[in-house]
N, C-alpha and C. Protein backbone atom coordinates (compact mmCIF):
# COMPACT_ATOMS: atom_id res chain seq x y z
N UNK A 1 0.85 -1.19 0.00
CA UNK A 1 0.00 0.00 0.00
C UNK A 1 0.89 1.24 0.00
N UNK A 2 0.54 2.22 -0.80
CA UNK A 2 1.31 3.46 -0.89
C UNK A 2 0.55 4.59 -0.22
N UNK A 3 1.23 5.31 0.67
CA UNK A 3 0.63 6.46 1.32
C UNK A 3 0.50 7.59 0.31
N UNK A 4 -0.75 8.03 0.09
CA UNK A 4 -1.01 9.07 -0.91
C UNK A 4 -2.01 10.08 -0.36
N UNK A 5 -1.53 11.19 0.20
CA UNK A 5 -2.46 12.25 0.62
C UNK A 5 -3.29 12.72 -0.56
N UNK A 6 -4.48 13.23 -0.27
CA UNK A 6 -5.39 13.65 -1.33
C UNK A 6 -4.73 14.64 -2.30
N UNK A 7 -3.91 15.53 -1.77
CA UNK A 7 -3.28 16.54 -2.63
C UNK A 7 -2.39 15.92 -3.69
N UNK A 8 -1.89 14.71 -3.41
CA UNK A 8 -0.93 14.07 -4.32
C UNK A 8 -1.52 12.87 -5.06
N UNK A 9 -2.83 12.70 -5.01
CA UNK A 9 -3.43 11.59 -5.75
C UNK A 9 -3.23 11.82 -7.24
N UNK A 10 -2.80 10.78 -7.94
CA UNK A 10 -2.43 10.94 -9.34
C UNK A 10 -3.61 11.01 -10.28
N UNK A 11 -3.38 11.61 -11.44
CA UNK A 11 -4.39 11.71 -12.49
C UNK A 11 -4.29 10.47 -13.38
N UNK A 12 -5.34 9.67 -13.41
CA UNK A 12 -5.30 8.46 -14.24
C UNK A 12 -5.09 8.80 -15.71
N UNK A 13 -5.53 9.98 -16.12
CA UNK A 13 -5.33 10.39 -17.51
C UNK A 13 -3.85 10.55 -17.84
N UNK A 14 -3.02 10.75 -16.82
CA UNK A 14 -1.58 10.92 -17.04
C UNK A 14 -0.83 9.59 -17.09
N UNK A 15 -1.51 8.50 -16.77
CA UNK A 15 -0.84 7.21 -16.67
C UNK A 15 -0.23 6.73 -17.99
N UNK A 16 -0.95 6.76 -19.12
CA UNK A 16 -0.33 6.28 -20.37
C UNK A 16 0.97 7.00 -20.71
N UNK A 17 1.00 8.31 -20.51
CA UNK A 17 2.21 9.08 -20.81
C UNK A 17 3.35 8.70 -19.87
N UNK A 18 3.06 8.49 -18.59
CA UNK A 18 4.09 8.10 -17.63
C UNK A 18 4.69 6.75 -18.01
N UNK A 19 3.84 5.78 -18.35
CA UNK A 19 4.32 4.45 -18.71
C UNK A 19 5.15 4.48 -19.99
N UNK A 20 4.71 5.28 -20.97
CA UNK A 20 5.43 5.35 -22.23
C UNK A 20 6.79 6.02 -22.06
N UNK A 21 6.85 7.04 -21.22
CA UNK A 21 8.09 7.79 -21.05
C UNK A 21 9.07 7.09 -20.11
N UNK A 22 8.57 6.23 -19.23
CA UNK A 22 9.43 5.60 -18.22
C UNK A 22 9.12 4.10 -18.12
N UNK A 23 9.45 3.31 -19.16
CA UNK A 23 9.05 1.90 -19.19
C UNK A 23 9.94 0.97 -18.37
N UNK A 24 11.05 1.47 -17.83
CA UNK A 24 11.94 0.60 -17.05
C UNK A 24 11.38 0.50 -15.63
N UNK A 25 10.90 -0.69 -15.28
CA UNK A 25 10.14 -0.88 -14.05
C UNK A 25 10.85 -1.82 -13.08
N UNK A 26 10.38 -1.81 -11.85
CA UNK A 26 10.81 -2.76 -10.82
C UNK A 26 9.65 -3.69 -10.54
N UNK A 27 9.87 -4.99 -10.73
CA UNK A 27 8.82 -5.99 -10.55
C UNK A 27 9.09 -6.74 -9.25
N UNK A 28 8.09 -6.78 -8.37
CA UNK A 28 8.23 -7.41 -7.05
C UNK A 28 7.16 -8.49 -6.90
N UNK A 29 7.60 -9.70 -6.54
CA UNK A 29 6.68 -10.80 -6.28
C UNK A 29 6.93 -11.30 -4.87
N UNK A 30 6.00 -11.06 -3.93
CA UNK A 30 6.18 -11.51 -2.55
C UNK A 30 6.25 -13.04 -2.45
N UNK A 31 6.96 -13.51 -1.44
CA UNK A 31 7.06 -14.95 -1.18
C UNK A 31 6.63 -15.21 0.26
N UNK A 32 5.95 -16.31 0.50
CA UNK A 32 5.50 -16.63 1.86
C UNK A 32 6.62 -17.21 2.70
N UNK A 33 7.69 -17.70 2.05
CA UNK A 33 8.74 -18.40 2.79
C UNK A 33 10.10 -17.72 2.69
N UNK A 34 10.10 -16.40 2.48
CA UNK A 34 11.39 -15.71 2.41
C UNK A 34 11.27 -14.34 1.78
N UNK A 35 12.40 -13.83 1.32
CA UNK A 35 12.44 -12.51 0.73
C UNK A 35 11.68 -12.48 -0.60
N UNK A 36 11.12 -11.33 -0.94
CA UNK A 36 10.42 -11.24 -2.23
C UNK A 36 11.41 -11.30 -3.39
N UNK A 37 10.92 -11.77 -4.54
CA UNK A 37 11.71 -11.68 -5.77
C UNK A 37 11.58 -10.27 -6.31
N UNK A 38 12.72 -9.69 -6.73
CA UNK A 38 12.74 -8.33 -7.27
C UNK A 38 13.56 -8.35 -8.55
N UNK A 39 12.98 -7.88 -9.64
CA UNK A 39 13.69 -7.80 -10.91
C UNK A 39 13.45 -6.43 -11.54
N UNK A 40 14.38 -6.02 -12.38
CA UNK A 40 14.31 -4.73 -13.07
C UNK A 40 14.24 -5.01 -14.56
N UNK A 41 13.21 -4.49 -15.22
CA UNK A 41 12.95 -4.86 -16.61
C UNK A 41 12.06 -3.83 -17.28
N UNK A 42 11.98 -3.92 -18.60
CA UNK A 42 11.08 -3.07 -19.36
C UNK A 42 9.69 -3.70 -19.38
N UNK A 43 8.68 -2.90 -19.08
CA UNK A 43 7.29 -3.32 -19.17
C UNK A 43 6.56 -2.31 -20.05
N UNK A 44 5.89 -2.82 -21.07
CA UNK A 44 5.16 -1.96 -22.00
C UNK A 44 3.66 -2.22 -21.90
N UNK A 45 2.88 -1.18 -22.07
CA UNK A 45 1.42 -1.35 -22.09
C UNK A 45 1.03 -2.23 -23.26
N UNK A 46 0.09 -3.13 -23.02
CA UNK A 46 -0.40 -4.03 -24.06
C UNK A 46 -1.40 -3.26 -24.93
N UNK A 47 -1.10 -3.04 -26.22
CA UNK A 47 -2.02 -2.27 -27.06
C UNK A 47 -3.31 -3.01 -27.37
N UNK A 48 -3.33 -4.32 -27.13
CA UNK A 48 -4.51 -5.12 -27.47
C UNK A 48 -5.42 -5.37 -26.27
N UNK A 49 -4.86 -5.28 -25.07
CA UNK A 49 -5.67 -5.55 -23.87
C UNK A 49 -5.42 -4.45 -22.84
N UNK A 50 -6.41 -3.59 -22.63
CA UNK A 50 -6.26 -2.51 -21.66
C UNK A 50 -5.93 -3.07 -20.27
N UNK A 51 -5.18 -2.28 -19.53
CA UNK A 51 -4.79 -2.64 -18.16
C UNK A 51 -3.95 -3.91 -18.10
N UNK A 52 -3.18 -4.16 -19.16
CA UNK A 52 -2.22 -5.25 -19.14
C UNK A 52 -0.85 -4.70 -19.51
N UNK A 53 0.19 -5.31 -18.93
CA UNK A 53 1.58 -4.95 -19.21
C UNK A 53 2.30 -6.17 -19.75
N UNK A 54 3.21 -5.94 -20.69
CA UNK A 54 3.95 -7.03 -21.32
C UNK A 54 5.44 -6.93 -20.97
N UNK A 55 6.02 -8.10 -20.66
CA UNK A 55 7.44 -8.12 -20.35
C UNK A 55 8.00 -9.52 -20.46
N UNK A 56 9.28 -9.66 -20.15
CA UNK A 56 9.89 -10.99 -20.13
C UNK A 56 11.09 -10.99 -19.18
N UNK A 57 11.40 -12.17 -18.69
CA UNK A 57 12.55 -12.40 -17.82
C UNK A 57 13.33 -13.60 -18.34
N UNK A 58 14.58 -13.69 -17.96
CA UNK A 58 15.38 -14.86 -18.30
C UNK A 58 14.77 -16.10 -17.64
N UNK A 59 14.68 -17.18 -18.39
CA UNK A 59 14.14 -18.42 -17.82
C UNK A 59 15.00 -18.90 -16.66
N UNK A 60 16.30 -18.59 -16.69
CA UNK A 60 17.21 -19.00 -15.60
C UNK A 60 16.96 -18.23 -14.31
N UNK A 61 16.25 -17.11 -14.41
CA UNK A 61 15.92 -16.30 -13.24
C UNK A 61 14.73 -16.95 -12.52
N UNK A 62 14.90 -17.42 -11.27
CA UNK A 62 13.77 -18.05 -10.57
C UNK A 62 12.54 -17.17 -10.46
N UNK A 63 12.72 -15.88 -10.56
CA UNK A 63 11.58 -14.97 -10.51
C UNK A 63 10.60 -15.24 -11.64
N UNK A 64 11.11 -15.74 -12.79
CA UNK A 64 10.26 -15.97 -13.95
C UNK A 64 9.20 -17.03 -13.68
N UNK A 65 9.45 -17.93 -12.76
CA UNK A 65 8.46 -18.94 -12.38
C UNK A 65 7.64 -18.49 -11.17
N UNK A 66 8.30 -17.81 -10.23
CA UNK A 66 7.60 -17.35 -9.03
C UNK A 66 6.47 -16.39 -9.38
N UNK A 67 6.68 -15.54 -10.40
CA UNK A 67 5.65 -14.54 -10.70
C UNK A 67 4.41 -15.18 -11.31
N UNK A 68 4.53 -16.40 -11.83
CA UNK A 68 3.37 -17.10 -12.40
C UNK A 68 2.55 -17.81 -11.33
N UNK A 69 3.04 -17.79 -10.10
CA UNK A 69 2.36 -18.52 -9.02
C UNK A 69 1.67 -17.61 -8.01
N UNK A 70 1.76 -16.32 -8.20
CA UNK A 70 1.15 -15.43 -7.21
C UNK A 70 1.01 -14.02 -7.73
N UNK A 71 0.70 -13.13 -6.84
CA UNK A 71 0.49 -11.73 -7.19
C UNK A 71 1.81 -10.99 -7.23
N UNK A 72 1.86 -9.96 -8.07
CA UNK A 72 3.05 -9.14 -8.19
C UNK A 72 2.66 -7.68 -8.24
N UNK A 73 3.65 -6.81 -8.06
CA UNK A 73 3.45 -5.38 -8.22
C UNK A 73 4.63 -4.84 -9.02
N UNK A 74 4.31 -4.02 -10.02
CA UNK A 74 5.34 -3.36 -10.84
C UNK A 74 5.37 -1.89 -10.48
N UNK A 75 6.57 -1.37 -10.24
CA UNK A 75 6.75 0.02 -9.86
C UNK A 75 7.38 0.80 -11.01
N UNK A 76 6.75 1.91 -11.38
CA UNK A 76 7.28 2.79 -12.41
C UNK A 76 7.64 4.13 -11.77
N UNK A 77 8.87 4.57 -12.01
CA UNK A 77 9.32 5.86 -11.49
C UNK A 77 9.34 6.87 -12.62
N UNK A 78 8.58 7.94 -12.45
CA UNK A 78 8.57 9.01 -13.44
C UNK A 78 9.59 10.08 -13.11
N UNK A 79 9.29 11.31 -13.47
CA UNK A 79 10.20 12.42 -13.20
C UNK A 79 10.34 12.62 -11.69
N UNK A 80 11.53 13.03 -11.26
CA UNK A 80 11.73 13.30 -9.84
C UNK A 80 12.92 14.25 -9.68
N UNK A 81 12.94 14.97 -8.56
CA UNK A 81 14.07 15.87 -8.33
C UNK A 81 13.89 16.71 -7.08
N UNK A 82 14.98 17.34 -6.72
CA UNK A 82 15.07 18.17 -5.52
C UNK A 82 14.37 19.51 -5.73
N UNK A 83 13.67 19.97 -4.69
CA UNK A 83 13.02 21.28 -4.70
C UNK A 83 13.55 22.08 -3.51
N UNK A 84 14.18 23.21 -3.80
CA UNK A 84 14.78 24.04 -2.75
C UNK A 84 13.77 25.01 -2.17
N UNK A 85 13.80 25.23 -0.84
CA UNK A 85 12.90 26.23 -0.25
C UNK A 85 13.24 27.65 -0.71
N UNK A 86 14.44 27.84 -1.26
CA UNK A 86 14.82 29.16 -1.76
C UNK A 86 14.01 29.56 -2.98
N UNK A 87 13.34 28.61 -3.60
CA UNK A 87 12.56 28.91 -4.80
C UNK A 87 11.14 29.37 -4.48
N UNK A 88 10.74 29.25 -3.22
CA UNK A 88 9.37 29.60 -2.86
C UNK A 88 9.21 31.10 -2.67
N UNK A 89 8.01 31.58 -2.96
CA UNK A 89 7.68 32.98 -2.69
C UNK A 89 7.37 33.19 -1.22
N UNK A 90 6.88 32.16 -0.56
CA UNK A 90 6.48 32.27 0.85
C UNK A 90 7.70 32.51 1.74
N UNK A 91 7.51 33.35 2.74
CA UNK A 91 8.57 33.57 3.71
C UNK A 91 8.45 32.59 4.87
N UNK A 92 9.17 32.86 5.95
CA UNK A 92 9.08 32.01 7.13
C UNK A 92 9.86 30.73 6.99
N UNK A 93 9.62 29.83 7.92
CA UNK A 93 10.35 28.56 7.96
C UNK A 93 9.89 27.65 6.82
N UNK A 94 10.82 27.26 5.98
CA UNK A 94 10.53 26.35 4.87
C UNK A 94 11.61 25.27 4.87
N UNK A 95 11.32 24.16 4.25
CA UNK A 95 12.29 23.07 4.18
C UNK A 95 12.34 22.52 2.75
N UNK A 96 13.46 21.88 2.39
CA UNK A 96 13.53 21.25 1.06
C UNK A 96 12.58 20.05 0.96
N UNK A 97 12.32 19.64 -0.26
CA UNK A 97 11.52 18.43 -0.48
C UNK A 97 11.98 17.78 -1.77
N UNK A 98 11.41 16.64 -2.06
CA UNK A 98 11.70 15.90 -3.29
C UNK A 98 10.38 15.67 -4.01
N UNK A 99 10.25 16.14 -5.23
CA UNK A 99 9.05 15.94 -6.01
C UNK A 99 9.21 14.73 -6.92
N UNK A 100 8.10 14.03 -7.20
CA UNK A 100 8.20 12.82 -8.02
C UNK A 100 6.83 12.38 -8.50
N UNK A 101 6.87 11.51 -9.52
CA UNK A 101 5.68 10.78 -10.00
C UNK A 101 6.01 9.30 -9.97
N UNK A 102 5.09 8.47 -9.43
CA UNK A 102 5.26 7.03 -9.44
C UNK A 102 3.91 6.36 -9.71
N UNK A 103 3.98 5.15 -10.28
CA UNK A 103 2.78 4.35 -10.50
C UNK A 103 3.08 2.92 -10.07
N UNK A 104 2.14 2.30 -9.37
CA UNK A 104 2.25 0.91 -8.95
C UNK A 104 1.15 0.11 -9.62
N UNK A 105 1.53 -0.96 -10.30
CA UNK A 105 0.57 -1.84 -10.97
C UNK A 105 0.50 -3.16 -10.22
N UNK A 106 -0.66 -3.46 -9.64
CA UNK A 106 -0.86 -4.70 -8.88
C UNK A 106 -1.61 -5.69 -9.76
N UNK A 107 -1.10 -6.90 -9.87
CA UNK A 107 -1.82 -7.86 -10.69
C UNK A 107 -1.21 -9.24 -10.67
N UNK A 108 -1.68 -10.07 -11.59
CA UNK A 108 -1.25 -11.47 -11.70
C UNK A 108 -0.73 -11.70 -13.11
N UNK A 109 0.40 -12.39 -13.20
CA UNK A 109 1.04 -12.62 -14.50
C UNK A 109 0.62 -13.97 -15.08
N UNK A 110 0.54 -14.00 -16.41
CA UNK A 110 0.30 -15.25 -17.13
C UNK A 110 1.36 -15.37 -18.22
N UNK A 111 1.81 -16.58 -18.49
CA UNK A 111 2.90 -16.78 -19.44
C UNK A 111 2.42 -16.57 -20.87
N UNK A 112 3.30 -16.04 -21.70
CA UNK A 112 3.05 -15.90 -23.13
C UNK A 112 4.11 -16.72 -23.86
N UNK A 113 3.68 -17.52 -24.84
CA UNK A 113 4.60 -18.40 -25.54
C UNK A 113 4.37 -18.29 -27.05
N UNK A 114 5.24 -18.91 -27.80
CA UNK A 114 5.06 -19.05 -29.24
C UNK A 114 4.89 -17.74 -29.97
N UNK A 115 3.88 -17.70 -30.83
CA UNK A 115 3.65 -16.54 -31.68
C UNK A 115 3.36 -15.29 -30.85
N UNK A 116 2.62 -15.45 -29.76
CA UNK A 116 2.28 -14.31 -28.91
C UNK A 116 3.54 -13.68 -28.32
N UNK A 117 4.48 -14.52 -27.88
CA UNK A 117 5.73 -14.01 -27.33
C UNK A 117 6.54 -13.32 -28.42
N UNK A 118 6.60 -13.93 -29.59
CA UNK A 118 7.35 -13.33 -30.70
C UNK A 118 6.80 -11.94 -31.04
N UNK A 119 5.48 -11.81 -31.08
CA UNK A 119 4.87 -10.51 -31.37
C UNK A 119 5.25 -9.50 -30.29
N UNK A 120 5.26 -9.96 -29.04
CA UNK A 120 5.64 -9.07 -27.94
C UNK A 120 7.07 -8.56 -28.12
N UNK A 121 7.99 -9.46 -28.47
CA UNK A 121 9.39 -9.08 -28.64
C UNK A 121 9.56 -8.15 -29.83
N UNK A 122 8.86 -8.43 -30.92
CA UNK A 122 8.93 -7.56 -32.10
C UNK A 122 8.40 -6.17 -31.78
N UNK A 123 7.34 -6.12 -30.99
CA UNK A 123 6.74 -4.83 -30.61
C UNK A 123 7.72 -4.03 -29.74
N UNK A 124 8.41 -4.72 -28.84
CA UNK A 124 9.37 -4.04 -27.97
C UNK A 124 10.54 -3.50 -28.79
N UNK A 125 11.04 -4.29 -29.73
CA UNK A 125 12.14 -3.82 -30.58
C UNK A 125 11.70 -2.58 -31.36
N UNK A 126 10.51 -2.61 -31.93
CA UNK A 126 10.01 -1.48 -32.72
C UNK A 126 9.84 -0.24 -31.85
N UNK A 127 9.43 -0.44 -30.60
CA UNK A 127 9.24 0.69 -29.69
C UNK A 127 10.54 1.46 -29.49
N UNK A 128 11.66 0.77 -29.40
CA UNK A 128 12.93 1.44 -29.11
C UNK A 128 13.79 1.67 -30.34
N UNK A 129 13.59 0.90 -31.38
CA UNK A 129 14.36 1.07 -32.61
C UNK A 129 13.71 2.06 -33.58
N UNK A 130 12.39 2.24 -33.45
CA UNK A 130 11.69 3.08 -34.41
C UNK A 130 11.33 2.27 -35.66
N UNK A 131 10.60 2.89 -36.56
CA UNK A 131 10.11 2.17 -37.74
C UNK A 131 11.21 1.79 -38.71
N UNK A 132 12.31 2.53 -38.72
CA UNK A 132 13.38 2.25 -39.69
C UNK A 132 14.60 1.58 -39.07
N UNK A 133 14.49 1.16 -37.81
CA UNK A 133 15.65 0.58 -37.12
C UNK A 133 15.78 -0.92 -37.31
N UNK A 134 16.63 -1.51 -36.50
CA UNK A 134 16.91 -2.96 -36.53
C UNK A 134 15.63 -3.75 -36.29
N UNK A 135 15.53 -4.90 -36.93
CA UNK A 135 14.37 -5.77 -36.75
C UNK A 135 14.82 -7.14 -36.27
N UNK A 136 13.97 -7.77 -35.49
CA UNK A 136 14.25 -9.08 -34.93
C UNK A 136 14.21 -10.14 -36.04
N UNK A 137 15.34 -10.83 -36.31
CA UNK A 137 15.33 -11.88 -37.35
C UNK A 137 14.73 -13.17 -36.80
N UNK A 138 13.41 -13.25 -36.77
CA UNK A 138 12.71 -14.32 -36.06
C UNK A 138 12.99 -15.71 -36.63
N UNK A 139 13.41 -15.81 -37.89
CA UNK A 139 13.67 -17.12 -38.49
C UNK A 139 15.08 -17.62 -38.20
N UNK A 140 15.89 -16.80 -37.57
CA UNK A 140 17.27 -17.16 -37.27
C UNK A 140 17.31 -18.18 -36.13
N UNK A 141 18.06 -19.26 -36.30
CA UNK A 141 18.09 -20.34 -35.29
C UNK A 141 18.64 -19.85 -33.95
N UNK A 142 19.65 -19.01 -33.99
CA UNK A 142 20.22 -18.50 -32.75
C UNK A 142 19.21 -17.63 -32.00
N UNK A 143 18.46 -16.80 -32.75
CA UNK A 143 17.43 -15.96 -32.14
C UNK A 143 16.33 -16.83 -31.53
N UNK A 144 15.95 -17.89 -32.23
CA UNK A 144 14.93 -18.80 -31.72
C UNK A 144 15.39 -19.48 -30.43
N UNK A 145 16.68 -19.83 -30.37
CA UNK A 145 17.22 -20.44 -29.15
C UNK A 145 17.18 -19.45 -27.99
N UNK A 146 17.51 -18.18 -28.28
CA UNK A 146 17.46 -17.16 -27.23
C UNK A 146 16.03 -16.93 -26.76
N UNK A 147 15.08 -17.01 -27.69
CA UNK A 147 13.68 -16.84 -27.31
C UNK A 147 13.25 -17.94 -26.34
N UNK A 148 13.76 -19.16 -26.54
CA UNK A 148 13.41 -20.25 -25.62
C UNK A 148 14.04 -20.05 -24.25
N UNK A 149 15.01 -19.16 -24.15
CA UNK A 149 15.71 -18.93 -22.88
C UNK A 149 15.06 -17.83 -22.05
N UNK A 150 13.90 -17.34 -22.50
CA UNK A 150 13.19 -16.33 -21.72
C UNK A 150 11.76 -16.78 -21.45
N UNK A 151 11.15 -16.15 -20.47
CA UNK A 151 9.74 -16.36 -20.15
C UNK A 151 9.02 -15.05 -20.40
N UNK A 152 8.17 -15.02 -21.41
CA UNK A 152 7.36 -13.85 -21.67
C UNK A 152 6.09 -13.91 -20.82
N UNK A 153 5.60 -12.74 -20.45
CA UNK A 153 4.39 -12.74 -19.62
C UNK A 153 3.56 -11.49 -19.87
N UNK A 154 2.29 -11.63 -19.55
CA UNK A 154 1.34 -10.52 -19.54
C UNK A 154 0.90 -10.33 -18.09
N UNK A 155 1.13 -9.16 -17.55
CA UNK A 155 0.68 -8.85 -16.19
C UNK A 155 -0.69 -8.19 -16.29
N UNK A 156 -1.70 -8.91 -15.80
CA UNK A 156 -3.07 -8.36 -15.80
C UNK A 156 -3.23 -7.48 -14.56
N UNK A 157 -3.33 -6.19 -14.80
CA UNK A 157 -3.34 -5.23 -13.70
C UNK A 157 -4.76 -5.13 -13.13
N UNK A 158 -4.86 -5.42 -11.85
CA UNK A 158 -6.15 -5.34 -11.16
C UNK A 158 -6.32 -4.02 -10.42
N UNK A 159 -5.21 -3.33 -10.12
CA UNK A 159 -5.30 -2.04 -9.44
C UNK A 159 -4.07 -1.20 -9.75
N UNK A 160 -4.31 0.07 -10.04
CA UNK A 160 -3.24 1.04 -10.20
C UNK A 160 -3.22 1.96 -8.99
N UNK A 161 -2.05 2.21 -8.45
CA UNK A 161 -1.85 3.27 -7.46
C UNK A 161 -0.95 4.29 -8.12
N UNK A 162 -1.42 5.52 -8.23
CA UNK A 162 -0.67 6.57 -8.91
C UNK A 162 -0.52 7.76 -7.97
N UNK A 163 0.72 8.19 -7.79
CA UNK A 163 1.00 9.33 -6.91
C UNK A 163 1.83 10.36 -7.67
N UNK A 164 1.39 11.60 -7.60
CA UNK A 164 2.11 12.71 -8.21
C UNK A 164 2.36 13.76 -7.12
N UNK A 165 3.52 13.68 -6.51
CA UNK A 165 3.90 14.65 -5.47
C UNK A 165 4.65 15.79 -6.17
N UNK A 166 3.90 16.79 -6.60
CA UNK A 166 4.44 17.82 -7.49
C UNK A 166 4.11 19.22 -7.00
N UNK A 167 4.17 19.41 -5.69
CA UNK A 167 3.96 20.72 -5.05
C UNK A 167 2.53 21.21 -5.13
N UNK A 168 1.56 20.29 -5.33
CA UNK A 168 0.16 20.73 -5.39
C UNK A 168 -0.32 21.29 -4.06
N UNK A 169 0.40 20.99 -2.97
CA UNK A 169 0.01 21.49 -1.65
C UNK A 169 0.57 22.88 -1.35
N UNK A 170 1.32 23.44 -2.31
CA UNK A 170 1.88 24.77 -2.14
C UNK A 170 1.01 25.82 -2.83
N UNK A 171 1.24 27.06 -2.49
CA UNK A 171 0.50 28.14 -3.14
C UNK A 171 0.89 28.23 -4.61
N UNK A 172 0.07 28.91 -5.39
CA UNK A 172 0.37 29.09 -6.81
C UNK A 172 1.71 29.80 -6.99
N UNK A 173 1.99 30.79 -6.14
CA UNK A 173 3.25 31.53 -6.24
C UNK A 173 4.44 30.63 -5.94
N UNK A 174 4.31 29.77 -4.93
CA UNK A 174 5.39 28.84 -4.62
C UNK A 174 5.61 27.86 -5.76
N UNK A 175 4.51 27.36 -6.33
CA UNK A 175 4.63 26.44 -7.47
C UNK A 175 5.32 27.13 -8.65
N UNK A 176 4.94 28.38 -8.92
CA UNK A 176 5.55 29.13 -10.01
C UNK A 176 7.06 29.27 -9.79
N UNK A 177 7.44 29.57 -8.55
CA UNK A 177 8.86 29.74 -8.26
C UNK A 177 9.65 28.46 -8.46
N UNK A 178 9.09 27.33 -8.02
CA UNK A 178 9.78 26.05 -8.17
C UNK A 178 9.87 25.64 -9.63
N UNK A 179 8.78 25.84 -10.37
CA UNK A 179 8.78 25.49 -11.79
C UNK A 179 9.81 26.32 -12.55
N UNK A 180 9.83 27.62 -12.28
CA UNK A 180 10.77 28.50 -12.98
C UNK A 180 12.21 28.10 -12.70
N UNK A 181 12.52 27.75 -11.45
CA UNK A 181 13.89 27.35 -11.11
C UNK A 181 14.27 26.05 -11.80
N UNK A 182 13.36 25.09 -11.82
CA UNK A 182 13.64 23.81 -12.47
C UNK A 182 13.81 23.99 -13.98
N UNK A 183 13.02 24.89 -14.56
CA UNK A 183 13.16 25.15 -16.00
C UNK A 183 14.51 25.79 -16.32
N UNK A 184 15.00 26.63 -15.43
CA UNK A 184 16.33 27.24 -15.64
C UNK A 184 17.42 26.18 -15.60
N UNK A 185 17.28 25.20 -14.72
CA UNK A 185 18.28 24.13 -14.63
C UNK A 185 18.23 23.26 -15.88
N UNK A 186 17.01 22.94 -16.34
CA UNK A 186 16.84 22.17 -17.57
C UNK A 186 17.11 20.69 -17.39
N UNK A 187 17.23 19.98 -18.50
CA UNK A 187 17.49 18.54 -18.48
C UNK A 187 16.37 17.80 -17.77
N UNK A 188 16.73 16.86 -16.89
CA UNK A 188 15.73 16.10 -16.15
C UNK A 188 14.87 17.01 -15.28
N UNK A 189 15.47 18.08 -14.75
CA UNK A 189 14.70 19.01 -13.93
C UNK A 189 13.67 19.75 -14.77
N UNK A 190 13.99 20.01 -16.03
CA UNK A 190 13.02 20.62 -16.92
C UNK A 190 11.83 19.71 -17.15
N UNK A 191 12.09 18.40 -17.26
CA UNK A 191 10.99 17.44 -17.41
C UNK A 191 10.12 17.42 -16.16
N UNK A 192 10.75 17.53 -14.99
CA UNK A 192 9.97 17.60 -13.75
C UNK A 192 9.11 18.86 -13.73
N UNK A 193 9.65 19.97 -14.19
CA UNK A 193 8.88 21.22 -14.25
C UNK A 193 7.65 21.05 -15.13
N UNK A 194 7.80 20.37 -16.27
CA UNK A 194 6.65 20.16 -17.16
C UNK A 194 5.59 19.30 -16.48
N UNK A 195 6.03 18.29 -15.73
CA UNK A 195 5.07 17.45 -15.01
C UNK A 195 4.34 18.26 -13.94
N UNK A 196 5.06 19.16 -13.29
CA UNK A 196 4.44 20.01 -12.26
C UNK A 196 3.38 20.93 -12.89
N UNK A 197 3.70 21.49 -14.05
CA UNK A 197 2.72 22.34 -14.73
C UNK A 197 1.45 21.55 -15.07
N UNK A 198 1.63 20.34 -15.57
CA UNK A 198 0.49 19.52 -15.98
C UNK A 198 -0.39 19.12 -14.80
N UNK A 199 0.19 19.01 -13.62
CA UNK A 199 -0.55 18.52 -12.45
C UNK A 199 -1.19 19.64 -11.64
N UNK A 200 -0.98 20.89 -12.03
CA UNK A 200 -1.49 22.01 -11.24
C UNK A 200 -3.02 21.97 -11.16
N UNK A 201 -3.52 22.36 -10.01
CA UNK A 201 -4.96 22.31 -9.76
C UNK A 201 -5.54 23.67 -9.44
N UNK A 202 -4.76 24.75 -9.59
CA UNK A 202 -5.30 26.07 -9.27
C UNK A 202 -5.89 26.74 -10.49
């Protein structure tokens, strides 16, 4: 369970963009007899089945079997960064904070094999290579052997927890000051500033 004050409850409309921009996730599968399995991998939204995520793990990784036997949660980290109290318009005692966007997908995984797995892998390659980039040579024997060495899966998401801690609890003037400072820094902080603008509620 994620602690999410009302001011920081996430906008479900922002979820597709967050997943597309930040597909590298942390997958956690609890165990009743020890530590949870934790893996780091790319998870992409399933274009054919809403509220499903597609991914794969090495077959040699015991997590690839454990996740098929129980519930899992996938964590996506969006933009995040430091916010200085010097950027606020408000006077008085202020303290630094860290702004961020995160999404948690709770669900149960089912294995994907054969043609379905191949389509998943081709879709993932196209997502990162673009339309004119490298393509998966699916008829190649070595590629087929590597495909047998992984476990593809579809995570059926039963619940999303989305949190956007983006200074919504501050005054409009304080938000403006933080956004302006982050935009001046640019780079990843500029992306955080854009997320803060999109989440404003005033």
